[in-house]
Each structure stands twice: as C-alpha cells, then as structure tokens.
Amino acid sequence: MIDFAHLEVLSRFPWEAQGPVGWMPISWADIVLDEWQGFEPPLPAIRFDRNQLLSYCRDKNTPPMHAFMSVMAWRKQMPQKLQSYREEIALRRTMIEDLVK
C-alpha cells in the first residue's frame, strides 16, 4: 500500500536527470553483433540519457532494431557467449521488428 505522506515528502526533493550513460548504439552493435555498417538509417553515434532514449524509442521513424540496440547499449547489456547471441538475434530479428508494428 502506498503511504501518501511519504510520497508527498519524496515529491518535494529536487530531481535531476542522470545524464548520458552506457554505450553508443553503433559501438554496441560493433562489439556485440560484429556489425555496425549497413543499418539504414545509420545507428546513433551518441550516448543517450534516459529521456533521449525514451523519445528515440517512441519515435515512429525509429526502426525497431535501432530501438532494441539503443536500449541494449544504454544498459551495457553484454552476452556471455557472443556467437550464440549473434545467432539468436539473427533468428529473432523479424520477431523484434514485428513487436512494434
């Protein structure tokens, strides 16, 4: 149950955005997928902060795989076995793209 008195006190604290974290999506793709070229449009070459990432992923012009890779880069998600991960992404790429249509 939410204690609204606590929530009200917490809401008075100043809040600042964290700032950019993680990797650039283009760097993540190069390391994890062993490819960074051939994406149309090109993958972002910036580090996102939380609000930028959310806006980028919600943008209807952002390809689904770009959004997926951006989130993975932002969180610095690294698989333990790169080759099997690359194969899984290749197999599931259509499914990832279809999730947001």
PDB file of N, CA and C in Angstrom:
ATOM      1  N   MET A   1       0.840  -1.177   0.000  1.00  0.00           N
ATOM      2  CA  MET A   1       0.000   0.000   0.000  1.00  0.00           C
ATOM      3  C   MET A   1       0.888   1.245   0.000  1.00  0.00           C
ATOM      4  N   ILE A   2       0.490   2.230  -0.754  1.00  0.00           N
ATOM      5  CA  ILE A   2       1.274   3.466  -0.858  1.00  0.00           C
ATOM      6  C   ILE A   2       0.966   4.366   0.326  1.00  0.00           C
ATOM      7  N   ASP A   3       2.024   4.818   0.965  1.00  0.00           N
ATOM      8  CA  ASP A   3       1.880   5.792   2.039  1.00  0.00           C
ATOM      9  C   ASP A   3       1.980   7.174   1.391  1.00  0.00           C
ATOM     10  N   PHE A   4       0.851   7.845   1.223  1.00  0.00           N
ATOM     11  CA  PHE A   4       0.814   9.115   0.501  1.00  0.00           C
ATOM     12  C   PHE A   4       1.576  10.224   1.221  1.00  0.00           C
ATOM     13  N   ALA A   5       1.717  10.113   2.531  1.00  0.00           N
ATOM     14  CA  ALA A   5       2.516  11.100   3.257  1.00  0.00           C
ATOM     15  C   ALA A   5       3.985  10.983   2.840  1.00  0.00           C
ATOM     16  N   HIS A   6       4.469   9.746   2.712  1.00  0.00           N
ATOM     17  CA  HIS A   6       5.845   9.538   2.255  1.00  0.00           C
ATOM     18  C   HIS A   6       6.012  10.000   0.814  1.00  0.00           C
ATOM     19  N   LEU A   7       5.046   9.673  -0.009  1.00  0.00           N
ATOM     20  CA  LEU A   7       5.096  10.067  -1.415  1.00  0.00           C
ATOM     21  C   LEU A   7       5.130  11.585  -1.546  1.00  0.00           C
ATOM     22  N   GLU A   8       4.377  12.267  -0.742  1.00  0.00           N
ATOM     23  CA  GLU A   8       4.326  13.727  -0.783  1.00  0.00           C
ATOM     24  C   GLU A   8       5.672  14.323  -0.371  1.00  0.00           C
ATOM     25  N   VAL A   9       6.307  13.738   0.637  1.00  0.00           N
ATOM     26  CA  VAL A   9       7.624  14.209   1.073  1.00  0.00           C
ATOM     27  C   VAL A   9       8.652  13.963  -0.033  1.00  0.00           C
ATOM     28  N   LEU A  10       8.636  12.781  -0.630  1.00  0.00           N
ATOM     29  CA  LEU A  10       9.575  12.476  -1.707  1.00  0.00           C
ATOM     30  C   LEU A  10       9.399  13.397  -2.905  1.00  0.00           C
ATOM     31  N   SER A  11       8.181  13.796  -3.176  1.00  0.00           N
ATOM     32  CA  SER A  11       7.930  14.647  -4.341  1.00  0.00           C
ATOM     33  C   SER A  11       8.521  16.045  -4.184  1.00  0.00           C
ATOM     34  N   ARG A  12       8.877  16.437  -2.979  1.00  0.00           N
ATOM     35  CA  ARG A  12       9.463  17.758  -2.755  1.00  0.00           C
ATOM     36  C   ARG A  12      10.959  17.816  -3.040  1.00  0.00           C
ATOM     37  N   PHE A  13      11.613  16.653  -3.130  1.00  0.00           N
ATOM     38  CA  PHE A  13      13.049  16.638  -3.393  1.00  0.00           C
ATOM     39  C   PHE A  13      13.321  17.053  -4.833  1.00  0.00           C
ATOM     40  N   PRO A  14      14.374  17.849  -5.028  1.00  0.00           N
ATOM     41  CA  PRO A  14      14.720  18.210  -6.401  1.00  0.00           C
ATOM     42  C   PRO A  14      15.211  16.978  -7.153  1.00  0.00           C
ATOM     43  N   TRP A  15      14.920  16.936  -8.445  1.00  0.00           N
ATOM     44  CA  TRP A  15      15.306  15.801  -9.266  1.00  0.00           C
ATOM     45  C   TRP A  15      16.091  16.306 -10.461  1.00  0.00           C
ATOM     46  N   GLU A  16      17.197  15.658 -10.739  1.00  0.00           N
ATOM     47  CA  GLU A  16      17.990  15.979 -11.913  1.00  0.00           C
ATOM     48  C   GLU A  16      18.151  14.727 -12.757  1.00  0.00           C
ATOM     49  N   ALA A  17      18.078  14.911 -14.059  1.00  0.00           N
ATOM     50  CA  ALA A  17      18.288  13.778 -14.960  1.00  0.00           C
ATOM     51  C   ALA A  17      19.703  13.241 -14.781  1.00  0.00           C
ATOM     52  N   GLN A  18      19.867  11.958 -14.969  1.00  0.00           N
ATOM     53  CA  GLN A  18      21.143  11.296 -14.742  1.00  0.00           C
ATOM     54  C   GLN A  18      22.207  11.722 -15.744  1.00  0.00           C
ATOM     55  N   GLY A  19      21.812  12.023 -16.941  1.00  0.00           N
ATOM     56  CA  GLY A  19      22.779  12.328 -17.987  1.00  0.00           C
ATOM     57  C   GLY A  19      23.066  11.089 -18.817  1.00  0.00           C
ATOM     58  N   PRO A  20      23.833  11.242 -19.882  1.00  0.00           N
ATOM     59  CA  PRO A  20      24.107  10.103 -20.758  1.00  0.00           C
ATOM     60  C   PRO A  20      24.855   8.979 -20.036  1.00  0.00           C
ATOM     61  N   VAL A  21      24.427   7.765 -20.306  1.00  0.00           N
ATOM     62  CA  VAL A  21      25.072   6.583 -19.735  1.00  0.00           C
ATOM     63  C   VAL A  21      25.208   5.513 -20.819  1.00  0.00           C
ATOM     64  N   GLY A  22      25.904   4.463 -20.496  1.00  0.00           N
ATOM     65  CA  GLY A  22      26.011   3.330 -21.413  1.00  0.00           C
ATOM     66  C   GLY A  22      26.918   3.614 -22.589  1.00  0.00           C
ATOM     67  N   TRP A  23      26.672   2.867 -23.647  1.00  0.00           N
ATOM     68  CA  TRP A  23      27.454   2.987 -24.870  1.00  0.00           C
ATOM     69  C   TRP A  23      26.622   3.636 -25.962  1.00  0.00           C
ATOM     70  N   MET A  24      27.300   4.049 -27.005  1.00  0.00           N
ATOM     71  CA  MET A  24      26.607   4.490 -28.212  1.00  0.00           C
ATOM     72  C   MET A  24      26.058   3.239 -28.899  1.00  0.00           C
ATOM     73  N   PRO A  25      24.849   3.289 -29.452  1.00  0.00           N
ATOM     74  CA  PRO A  25      24.305   2.109 -30.131  1.00  0.00           C
ATOM     75  C   PRO A  25      25.225   1.566 -31.226  1.00  0.00           C
ATOM     76  N   ILE A  26      25.891   2.450 -31.948  1.00  0.00           N
ATOM     77  CA  ILE A  26      26.784   1.994 -33.011  1.00  0.00           C
ATOM     78  C   ILE A  26      27.957   1.198 -32.431  1.00  0.00           C
ATOM     79  N   SER A  27      28.436   1.576 -31.260  1.00  0.00           N
ATOM     80  CA  SER A  27      29.532   0.845 -30.609  1.00  0.00           C
ATOM     81  C   SER A  27      29.056  -0.511 -30.105  1.00  0.00           C
ATOM     82  N   TRP A  28      27.853  -0.542 -29.531  1.00  0.00           N
ATOM     83  CA  TRP A  28      27.299  -1.801 -29.035  1.00  0.00           C
ATOM     84  C   TRP A  28      27.154  -2.794 -30.186  1.00  0.00           C
ATOM     85  N   ALA A  29      26.616  -2.328 -31.303  1.00  0.00           N
ATOM     86  CA  ALA A  29      26.431  -3.209 -32.462  1.00  0.00           C
ATOM     87  C   ALA A  29      27.764  -3.730 -32.975  1.00  0.00           C
ATOM     88  N   ASP A  30      28.768  -2.882 -32.962  1.00  0.00           N
ATOM     89  CA  ASP A  30      30.092  -3.294 -33.436  1.00  0.00           C
ATOM     90  C   ASP A  30      30.691  -4.377 -32.530  1.00  0.00           C
ATOM     91  N   ILE A  31      30.542  -4.226 -31.224  1.00  0.00           N
ATOM     92  CA  ILE A  31      31.104  -5.183 -30.270  1.00  0.00           C
ATOM     93  C   ILE A  31      30.272  -6.463 -30.199  1.00  0.00           C
ATOM     94  N   VAL A  32      28.977  -6.300 -30.015  1.00  0.00           N
ATOM     95  CA  VAL A  32      28.121  -7.458 -29.736  1.00  0.00           C
ATOM     96  C   VAL A  32      27.676  -8.182 -31.001  1.00  0.00           C
ATOM     97  N   LEU A  33      27.269  -7.431 -32.014  1.00  0.00           N
ATOM     98  CA  LEU A  33      26.767  -8.070 -33.232  1.00  0.00           C
ATOM     99  C   LEU A  33      27.843  -8.210 -34.312  1.00  0.00           C
ATOM    100  N   ASP A  34      28.998  -7.594 -34.082  1.00  0.00           N
ATOM    101  CA  ASP A  34      30.099  -7.614 -35.030  1.00  0.00           C
ATOM    102  C   ASP A  34      29.701  -6.975 -36.367  1.00  0.00           C
ATOM    103  N   GLU A  35      28.803  -6.016 -36.285  1.00  0.00           N
ATOM    104  CA  GLU A  35      28.433  -5.246 -37.463  1.00  0.00           C
ATOM    105  C   GLU A  35      27.943  -3.877 -37.010  1.00  0.00           C
ATOM    106  N   TRP A  36      28.310  -2.878 -37.742  1.00  0.00           N
ATOM    107  CA  TRP A  36      27.822  -1.547 -37.426  1.00  0.00           C
ATOM    108  C   TRP A  36      27.470  -0.784 -38.686  1.00  0.00           C
ATOM    109  N   GLN A  37      27.855  -1.319 -39.824  1.00  0.00           N
ATOM    110  CA  GLN A  37      27.505  -0.687 -41.086  1.00  0.00           C
ATOM    111  C   GLN A  37      26.296  -1.382 -41.678  1.00  0.00           C
ATOM    112  N   GLY A  38      25.686  -0.720 -42.630  1.00  0.00           N
ATOM    113  CA  GLY A  38      24.571  -1.333 -43.336  1.00  0.00           C
ATOM    114  C   GLY A  38      23.221  -1.098 -42.695  1.00  0.00           C
ATOM    115  N   PHE A  39      23.170  -0.375 -41.609  1.00  0.00           N
ATOM    116  CA  PHE A  39      21.882  -0.053 -40.995  1.00  0.00           C
ATOM    117  C   PHE A  39      21.353   1.217 -41.648  1.00  0.00           C
ATOM    118  N   GLU A  40      20.121   1.185 -42.055  1.00  0.00           N
ATOM    119  CA  GLU A  40      19.527   2.350 -42.697  1.00  0.00           C
ATOM    120  C   GLU A  40      18.283   2.758 -41.933  1.00  0.00           C
ATOM    121  N   PRO A  41      18.228   3.927 -41.367  1.00  0.00           N
ATOM    122  CA  PRO A  41      19.297   4.918 -41.298  1.00  0.00           C
ATOM    123  C   PRO A  41      20.433   4.418 -40.397  1.00  0.00           C
ATOM    124  N   PRO A  42      21.592   5.079 -40.441  1.00  0.00           N
ATOM    125  CA  PRO A  42      22.710   4.634 -39.600  1.00  0.00           C
ATOM    126  C   PRO A  42      22.335   4.628 -38.112  1.00  0.00           C
ATOM    127  N   LEU A  43      22.972   3.767 -37.369  1.00  0.00           N
ATOM    128  CA  LEU A  43      22.747   3.720 -35.916  1.00  0.00           C
ATOM    129  C   LEU A  43      23.239   5.013 -35.260  1.00  0.00           C
ATOM    130  N   PRO A  44      22.589   5.426 -34.166  1.00  0.00           N
ATOM    131  CA  PRO A  44      23.042   6.635 -33.468  1.00  0.00           C
ATOM    132  C   PRO A  44      24.476   6.492 -32.954  1.00  0.00           C
ATOM    133  N   ALA A  45      25.208   7.570 -33.069  1.00  0.00           N
ATOM    134  CA  ALA A  45      26.588   7.612 -32.590  1.00  0.00           C
ATOM    135  C   ALA A  45      26.683   8.567 -31.407  1.00  0.00           C
ATOM    136  N   ILE A  46      25.675   8.497 -30.523  1.00  0.00           N
ATOM    137  CA  ILE A  46      25.657   9.306 -29.301  1.00  0.00           C
ATOM    138  C   ILE A  46      25.295   8.410 -28.131  1.00  0.00           C
ATOM    139  N   ARG A  47      25.684   8.835 -26.942  1.00  0.00           N
ATOM    140  CA  ARG A  47      25.224   8.171 -25.716  1.00  0.00           C
ATOM    141  C   ARG A  47      23.946   8.881 -25.286  1.00  0.00           C
ATOM    142  N   PHE A  48      22.909   8.110 -25.013  1.00  0.00           N
ATOM    143  CA  PHE A  48      21.612   8.660 -24.630  1.00  0.00           C
ATOM    144  C   PHE A  48      21.502   8.848 -23.127  1.00  0.00           C
ATOM    145  N   ASP A  49      20.753   9.872 -22.716  1.00  0.00           N
ATOM    146  CA  ASP A  49      20.273   9.889 -21.340  1.00  0.00           C
ATOM    147  C   ASP A  49      18.892   9.240 -21.373  1.00  0.00           C
ATOM    148  N   ARG A  50      18.292   9.043 -20.229  1.00  0.00           N
ATOM    149  CA  ARG A  50      17.023   8.316 -20.152  1.00  0.00           C
ATOM    150  C   ARG A  50      15.919   8.965 -20.992  1.00  0.00           C
ATOM    151  N   ASN A  51      15.794  10.281 -20.923  1.00  0.00           N
ATOM    152  CA  ASN A  51      14.741  10.966 -21.669  1.00  0.00           C
ATOM    153  C   ASN A  51      14.977  10.918 -23.177  1.00  0.00           C
ATOM    154  N   GLN A  52      16.236  11.058 -23.595  1.00  0.00           N
ATOM    155  CA  GLN A  52      16.550  10.964 -25.018  1.00  0.00           C
ATOM    156  C   GLN A  52      16.239   9.562 -25.543  1.00  0.00           C
ATOM    157  N   LEU A  53      16.601   8.548 -24.769  1.00  0.00           N
ATOM    158  CA  LEU A  53      16.349   7.170 -25.181  1.00  0.00           C
ATOM    159  C   LEU A  53      14.854   6.919 -25.319  1.00  0.00           C
ATOM    160  N   LEU A  54      14.088   7.372 -24.355  1.00  0.00           N
ATOM    161  CA  LEU A  54      12.643   7.192 -24.405  1.00  0.00           C
ATOM    162  C   LEU A  54      12.051   7.877 -25.633  1.00  0.00           C
ATOM    163  N   SER A  55      12.466   9.087 -25.899  1.00  0.00           N
ATOM    164  CA  SER A  55      11.968   9.813 -27.073  1.00  0.00           C
ATOM    165  C   SER A  55      12.365   9.110 -28.361  1.00  0.00           C
ATOM    166  N   TYR A  56      13.612   8.659 -28.420  1.00  0.00           N
ATOM    167  CA  TYR A  56      14.105   7.975 -29.619  1.00  0.00           C
ATOM    168  C   TYR A  56      13.308   6.692 -29.875  1.00  0.00           C
ATOM    169  N   CYS A  57      13.077   5.919 -28.827  1.00  0.00           N
ATOM    170  CA  CYS A  57      12.362   4.653 -28.985  1.00  0.00           C
ATOM    171  C   CYS A  57      10.885   4.853 -29.303  1.00  0.00           C
ATOM    172  N   ARG A  58      10.301   5.936 -28.843  1.00  0.00           N
ATOM    173  CA  ARG A  58       8.888   6.212 -29.117  1.00  0.00           C
ATOM    174  C   ARG A  58       8.654   6.838 -30.488  1.00  0.00           C
ATOM    175  N   ASP A  59       9.716   7.340 -31.094  1.00  0.00           N
ATOM    176  CA  ASP A  59       9.605   7.978 -32.403  1.00  0.00           C
ATOM    177  C   ASP A  59       9.206   6.932 -33.444  1.00  0.00           C
ATOM    178  N   LYS A  60       8.114   7.191 -34.162  1.00  0.00           N
ATOM    179  CA  LYS A  60       7.608   6.247 -35.166  1.00  0.00           C
ATOM    180  C   LYS A  60       8.595   6.056 -36.324  1.00  0.00           C
ATOM    181  N   ASN A  61       9.535   6.975 -36.494  1.00  0.00           N
ATOM    182  CA  ASN A  61      10.517   6.864 -37.570  1.00  0.00           C
ATOM    183  C   ASN A  61      11.739   6.034 -37.178  1.00  0.00           C
ATOM    184  N   THR A  62      11.825   5.652 -35.906  1.00  0.00           N
ATOM    185  CA  THR A  62      12.948   4.833 -35.448  1.00  0.00           C
ATOM    186  C   THR A  62      12.663   3.372 -35.775  1.00  0.00           C
ATOM    187  N   PRO A  63      13.529   2.740 -36.556  1.00  0.00           N
ATOM    188  CA  PRO A  63      13.333   1.314 -36.837  1.00  0.00           C
ATOM    189  C   PRO A  63      13.394   0.492 -35.536  1.00  0.00           C
ATOM    190  N   PRO A  64      12.581  -0.541 -35.434  1.00  0.00           N
ATOM    191  CA  PRO A  64      12.547  -1.349 -34.208  1.00  0.00           C
ATOM    192  C   PRO A  64      13.907  -1.909 -33.784  1.00  0.00           C
ATOM    193  N   MET A  65      14.711  -2.380 -34.731  1.00  0.00           N
ATOM    194  CA  MET A  65      16.028  -2.913 -34.359  1.00  0.00           C
ATOM    195  C   MET A  65      16.925  -1.812 -33.811  1.00  0.00           C
ATOM    196  N   HIS A  66      16.776  -0.594 -34.310  1.00  0.00           N
ATOM    197  CA  HIS A  66      17.556   0.528 -33.791  1.00  0.00           C
ATOM    198  C   HIS A  66      17.170   0.799 -32.333  1.00  0.00           C
ATOM    199  N   ALA A  67      15.859   0.761 -32.062  1.00  0.00           N
ATOM    200  CA  ALA A  67      15.395   0.977 -30.686  1.00  0.00           C
ATOM    201  C   ALA A  67      15.922  -0.134 -29.775  1.00  0.00           C
ATOM    202  N   PHE A  68      15.828  -1.378 -30.226  1.00  0.00           N
ATOM    203  CA  PHE A  68      16.320  -2.517 -29.448  1.00  0.00           C
ATOM    204  C   PHE A  68      17.803  -2.348 -29.128  1.00  0.00           C
ATOM    205  N   MET A  69      18.601  -2.046 -30.153  1.00  0.00           N
ATOM    206  CA  MET A  69      20.046  -1.911 -29.945  1.00  0.00           C
ATOM    207  C   MET A  69      20.377  -0.708 -29.066  1.00  0.00           C
ATOM    208  N   SER A  70      19.585   0.345 -29.167  1.00  0.00           N
ATOM    209  CA  SER A  70      19.820   1.534 -28.335  1.00  0.00           C
ATOM    210  C   SER A  70      19.583   1.235 -26.862  1.00  0.00           C
ATOM    211  N   VAL A  71      18.513   0.491 -26.578  1.00  0.00           N
ATOM    212  CA  VAL A  71      18.233   0.108 -25.189  1.00  0.00           C
ATOM    213  C   VAL A  71      19.329  -0.813 -24.656  1.00  0.00           C
ATOM    214  N   MET A  72      19.733  -1.766 -25.469  1.00  0.00           N
ATOM    215  CA  MET A  72      20.789  -2.685 -25.047  1.00  0.00           C
ATOM    216  C   MET A  72      22.100  -1.937 -24.787  1.00  0.00           C
ATOM    217  N   ALA A  73      22.410  -0.963 -25.654  1.00  0.00           N
ATOM    218  CA  ALA A  73      23.640  -0.173 -25.481  1.00  0.00           C
ATOM    219  C   ALA A  73      23.538   0.701 -24.239  1.00  0.00           C
ATOM    220  N   TRP A  74      22.379   1.295 -24.019  1.00  0.00           N
ATOM    221  CA  TRP A  74      22.179   2.183 -22.877  1.00  0.00           C
ATOM    222  C   TRP A  74      22.407   1.442 -21.563  1.00  0.00           C
ATOM    223  N   ARG A  75      21.996   0.187 -21.520  1.00  0.00           N
ATOM    224  CA  ARG A  75      22.150  -0.624 -20.307  1.00  0.00           C
ATOM    225  C   ARG A  75      23.455  -1.419 -20.299  1.00  0.00           C
ATOM    226  N   LYS A  76      24.268  -1.273 -21.335  1.00  0.00           N
ATOM    227  CA  LYS A  76      25.532  -2.011 -21.461  1.00  0.00           C
ATOM    228  C   LYS A  76      25.317  -3.519 -21.337  1.00  0.00           C
ATOM    229  N   GLN A  77      24.304  -4.008 -22.007  1.00  0.00           N
ATOM    230  CA  GLN A  77      23.999  -5.438 -21.964  1.00  0.00           C
ATOM    231  C   GLN A  77      25.014  -6.206 -22.797  1.00  0.00           C
ATOM    232  N   MET A  78      25.715  -7.124 -22.149  1.00  0.00           N
ATOM    233  CA  MET A  78      26.726  -7.930 -22.821  1.00  0.00           C
ATOM    234  C   MET A  78      26.432  -9.414 -22.597  1.00  0.00           C
ATOM    235  N   PRO A  79      26.245 -10.135 -23.674  1.00  0.00           N
ATOM    236  CA  PRO A  79      26.013 -11.578 -23.526  1.00  0.00           C
ATOM    237  C   PRO A  79      27.297 -12.293 -23.118  1.00  0.00           C
ATOM    238  N   GLN A  80      27.144 -13.437 -22.485  1.00  0.00           N
ATOM    239  CA  GLN A  80      28.315 -14.221 -22.087  1.00  0.00           C
ATOM    240  C   GLN A  80      28.928 -14.947 -23.276  1.00  0.00           C
ATOM    241  N   LYS A  81      28.086 -15.352 -24.210  1.00  0.00           N
ATOM    242  CA  LYS A  81      28.565 -16.077 -25.391  1.00  0.00           C
ATOM    243  C   LYS A  81      28.157 -15.295 -26.634  1.00  0.00           C
ATOM    244  N   LEU A  82      29.084 -14.532 -27.173  1.00  0.00           N
ATOM    245  CA  LEU A  82      28.776 -13.639 -28.286  1.00  0.00           C
ATOM    246  C   LEU A  82      28.236 -14.361 -29.514  1.00  0.00           C
ATOM    247  N   GLN A  83      28.857 -15.450 -29.923  1.00  0.00           N
ATOM    248  CA  GLN A  83      28.439 -16.109 -31.162  1.00  0.00           C
ATOM    249  C   GLN A  83      27.003 -16.609 -31.074  1.00  0.00           C
ATOM    250  N   SER A  84      26.652 -17.256 -29.969  1.00  0.00           N
ATOM    251  CA  SER A  84      25.283 -17.756 -29.849  1.00  0.00           C
ATOM    252  C   SER A  84      24.290 -16.597 -29.753  1.00  0.00           C
ATOM    253  N   TYR A  85      24.699 -15.490 -29.136  1.00  0.00           N
ATOM    254  CA  TYR A  85      23.834 -14.315 -29.044  1.00  0.00           C
ATOM    255  C   TYR A  85      23.591 -13.732 -30.431  1.00  0.00           C
ATOM    256  N   ARG A  86      24.645 -13.629 -31.223  1.00  0.00           N
ATOM    257  CA  ARG A  86      24.509 -13.115 -32.586  1.00  0.00           C
ATOM    258  C   ARG A  86      23.551 -13.976 -33.398  1.00  0.00           C
ATOM    259  N   GLU A  87      23.653 -15.282 -33.227  1.00  0.00           N
ATOM    260  CA  GLU A  87      22.763 -16.191 -33.944  1.00  0.00           C
ATOM    261  C   GLU A  87      21.316 -16.012 -33.493  1.00  0.00           C
ATOM    262  N   GLU A  88      21.108 -15.871 -32.199  1.00  0.00           N
ATOM    263  CA  GLU A  88      19.756 -15.657 -31.675  1.00  0.00           C
ATOM    264  C   GLU A  88      19.141 -14.356 -32.197  1.00  0.00           C
ATOM    265  N   ILE A  89      19.941 -13.283 -32.216  1.00  0.00           N
ATOM    266  CA  ILE A  89      19.442 -12.004 -32.725  1.00  0.00           C
ATOM    267  C   ILE A  89      19.070 -12.146 -34.198  1.00  0.00           C
ATOM    268  N   ALA A  90      19.914 -12.816 -34.965  1.00  0.00           N
ATOM    269  CA  ALA A  90      19.623 -13.014 -36.383  1.00  0.00           C
ATOM    270  C   ALA A  90      18.316 -13.794 -36.565  1.00  0.00           C
ATOM    271  N   LEU A  91      18.110 -14.820 -35.747  1.00  0.00           N
ATOM    272  CA  LEU A  91      16.885 -15.615 -35.836  1.00  0.00           C
ATOM    273  C   LEU A  91      15.647 -14.831 -35.398  1.00  0.00           C
ATOM    274  N   ARG A  92      15.811 -13.963 -34.420  1.00  0.00           N
ATOM    275  CA  ARG A  92      14.664 -13.273 -33.838  1.00  0.00           C
ATOM    276  C   ARG A  92      14.473 -11.833 -34.359  1.00  0.00           C
ATOM    277  N   ARG A  93      15.279 -11.437 -35.295  1.00  0.00           N
ATOM    278  CA  ARG A  93      15.211 -10.044 -35.782  1.00  0.00           C
ATOM    279  C   ARG A  93      13.819  -9.696 -36.305  1.00  0.00           C
ATOM    280  N   THR A  94      13.229 -10.590 -37.076  1.00  0.00           N
ATOM    281  CA  THR A  94      11.888 -10.336 -37.597  1.00  0.00           C
ATOM    282  C   THR A  94      10.877 -10.224 -36.470  1.00  0.00           C
ATOM    283  N   MET A  95      11.007 -11.091 -35.466  1.00  0.00           N
ATOM    284  CA  MET A  95      10.088 -11.039 -34.334  1.00  0.00           C
ATOM    285  C   MET A  95      10.224  -9.693 -33.597  1.00  0.00           C
ATOM    286  N   ILE A  96      11.452  -9.236 -33.394  1.00  0.00           N
ATOM    287  CA  ILE A  96      11.678  -7.949 -32.726  1.00  0.00           C
ATOM    288  C   ILE A  96      11.043  -6.823 -33.528  1.00  0.00           C
ATOM    289  N   GLU A  97      11.234  -6.857 -34.826  1.00  0.00           N
ATOM    290  CA  GLU A  97      10.680  -5.803 -35.691  1.00  0.00           C
ATOM    291  C   GLU A  97       9.156  -5.851 -35.724  1.00  0.00           C
ATOM    292  N   ASP A  98       8.579  -7.043 -35.652  1.00  0.00           N
ATOM    293  CA  ASP A  98       7.123  -7.179 -35.699  1.00  0.00           C
ATOM    294  C   ASP A  98       6.439  -6.773 -34.399  1.00  0.00           C
ATOM    295  N   LEU A  99       7.168  -6.764 -33.286  1.00  0.00           N
ATOM    296  CA  LEU A  99       6.573  -6.439 -31.995  1.00  0.00           C
ATOM    297  C   LEU A  99       6.046  -5.015 -31.942  1.00  0.00           C
ATOM    298  N   VAL A 100       6.630  -4.127 -32.694  1.00  0.00           N
ATOM    299  CA  VAL A 100       6.252  -2.725 -32.567  1.00  0.00           C
ATOM    300  C   VAL A 100       5.442  -2.202 -33.747  1.00  0.00           C
ATOM    301  N   LYS A 101       5.051  -3.060 -34.656  1.00  0.00           N
ATOM    302  CA  LYS A 101       4.256  -2.607 -35.808  1.00  0.00           C
ATOM    303  C   LYS A 101       2.831  -2.342 -35.403  1.00  0.00           C
TER     304      LYS A 101
END
